[in-house]
Protein backbone atom coordinates (compact mmCIF):
# COMPACT_ATOMS: atom_id res chain seq x y z
CA UNK A 1 -0.01 -0.01 0.01
CA UNK A 2 1.47 3.37 -0.95
CA UNK A 3 2.09 6.05 1.65
CA UNK A 4 -0.43 8.89 1.44
CA UNK A 5 1.11 12.10 2.75
CA UNK A 6 2.21 11.71 6.37
CA UNK A 7 -0.47 9.09 7.19
CA UNK A 8 1.08 5.92 8.55
CA UNK A 9 -1.86 3.95 10.02
CA UNK A 10 -3.79 1.06 8.52
CA UNK A 11 -5.48 1.42 5.14
CA UNK A 12 -8.13 -0.69 3.42
CA UNK A 13 -7.97 -1.98 -0.14
CA UNK A 14 -11.58 -1.18 -1.03
CA UNK A 15 -11.73 -2.55 -4.56
CA UNK A 16 -9.41 -3.71 -7.30
CA UNK A 17 -9.90 -1.83 -10.56
CA UNK A 18 -7.28 -3.65 -12.67
CA UNK A 19 -8.00 -7.30 -13.43
CA UNK A 20 -5.78 -10.18 -12.36
CA UNK A 21 -3.33 -10.92 -15.18
CA UNK A 22 -3.95 -7.60 -16.93
CA UNK A 23 -1.09 -5.72 -18.54
CA UNK A 24 -0.90 -2.28 -16.93
CA UNK A 25 1.11 0.83 -17.73
CA UNK A 26 2.16 3.91 -15.74
CA UNK A 27 -0.92 5.93 -14.80
CA UNK A 28 -3.38 3.03 -15.14
CA UNK A 29 -5.69 2.73 -12.11
CA UNK A 30 -4.95 -0.36 -10.01
CA UNK A 31 -7.21 -0.16 -6.93
CA UNK A 32 -9.09 2.05 -4.50
CA UNK A 33 -7.82 2.37 -0.94
CA UNK A 34 -9.06 4.35 2.03
CA UNK A 35 -7.98 5.41 5.45
CA UNK A 36 -10.16 7.06 8.09
CA UNK A 37 -10.07 10.38 6.21
CA UNK A 38 -9.89 9.81 2.45
CA UNK A 39 -10.53 7.38 -0.42
CA UNK A 40 -7.80 7.35 -3.08
CA UNK A 41 -7.42 5.70 -6.47
CA UNK A 42 -3.92 4.20 -6.73
CA UNK A 43 -2.27 4.21 -10.14
CA UNK A 44 0.48 2.00 -11.49
CA UNK A 45 3.95 3.54 -11.42
CA UNK A 46 5.36 0.97 -13.88
CA UNK A 47 4.38 -1.44 -16.66
CA UNK A 48 3.83 -5.12 -16.16
CA UNK A 49 1.41 -8.00 -15.73
CA UNK A 50 -0.58 -7.67 -12.49
CA UNK A 51 -0.64 -10.44 -9.91
CA UNK A 52 -3.03 -9.51 -7.12
CA UNK A 53 -1.98 -11.04 -3.80
CA UNK A 54 -4.69 -9.59 -1.57
CA UNK A 55 -8.47 -9.40 -1.97
CA UNK A 56 -10.92 -6.53 -1.73
CA UNK A 57 -11.38 -5.52 1.91
CA UNK A 58 -7.78 -6.31 2.92
CA UNK A 59 -6.66 -4.08 5.83
CA UNK A 60 -2.93 -3.50 6.31
CA UNK A 61 -0.34 -0.94 7.34
CA UNK A 62 0.89 1.53 4.75
CA UNK A 63 3.74 -0.09 2.81
CA UNK A 64 2.23 -3.59 2.71
CA UNK A 65 2.42 -5.57 -0.55
CA UNK A 66 -0.98 -6.19 -2.21
CA UNK A 67 0.27 -7.26 -5.62
CA UNK A 68 3.20 -7.62 -8.01
CA UNK A 69 3.95 -6.41 -11.52
CA UNK A 70 5.76 -9.05 -13.56
CA UNK A 71 7.80 -8.06 -16.60
CA UNK A 72 6.99 -11.14 -18.69
CA UNK A 73 4.16 -13.63 -19.09
CA UNK A 74 6.52 -16.45 -18.15
CA UNK A 75 7.43 -14.69 -14.90
CA UNK A 76 3.73 -14.13 -14.11
CA UNK A 77 2.85 -17.76 -14.89
CA UNK A 78 5.68 -19.05 -12.67
CA UNK A 79 4.61 -16.79 -9.78
CA UNK A 80 0.98 -17.87 -10.09
CA UNK A 81 2.00 -21.55 -10.15
CA UNK A 82 4.08 -21.07 -6.99
CA UNK A 83 1.30 -19.34 -5.05
């Protein structure tokens, strides 16, 4: 979960926007997250194939991993097979 300003408490992954296995590019919306004050759409900072590791409703501290961007289909397939 990305850091939003100086907020460092728990945040909630409200809803994934990008589909599992989708190819995303910088600026593409990935998911909605919220803390006690604001709801924010999080955009991709890089290109890759999205592997979502957490489901909608996941609550975690800022900085937690909720997904990975894989650079190749083979890398994505291997990661999915291992999970």
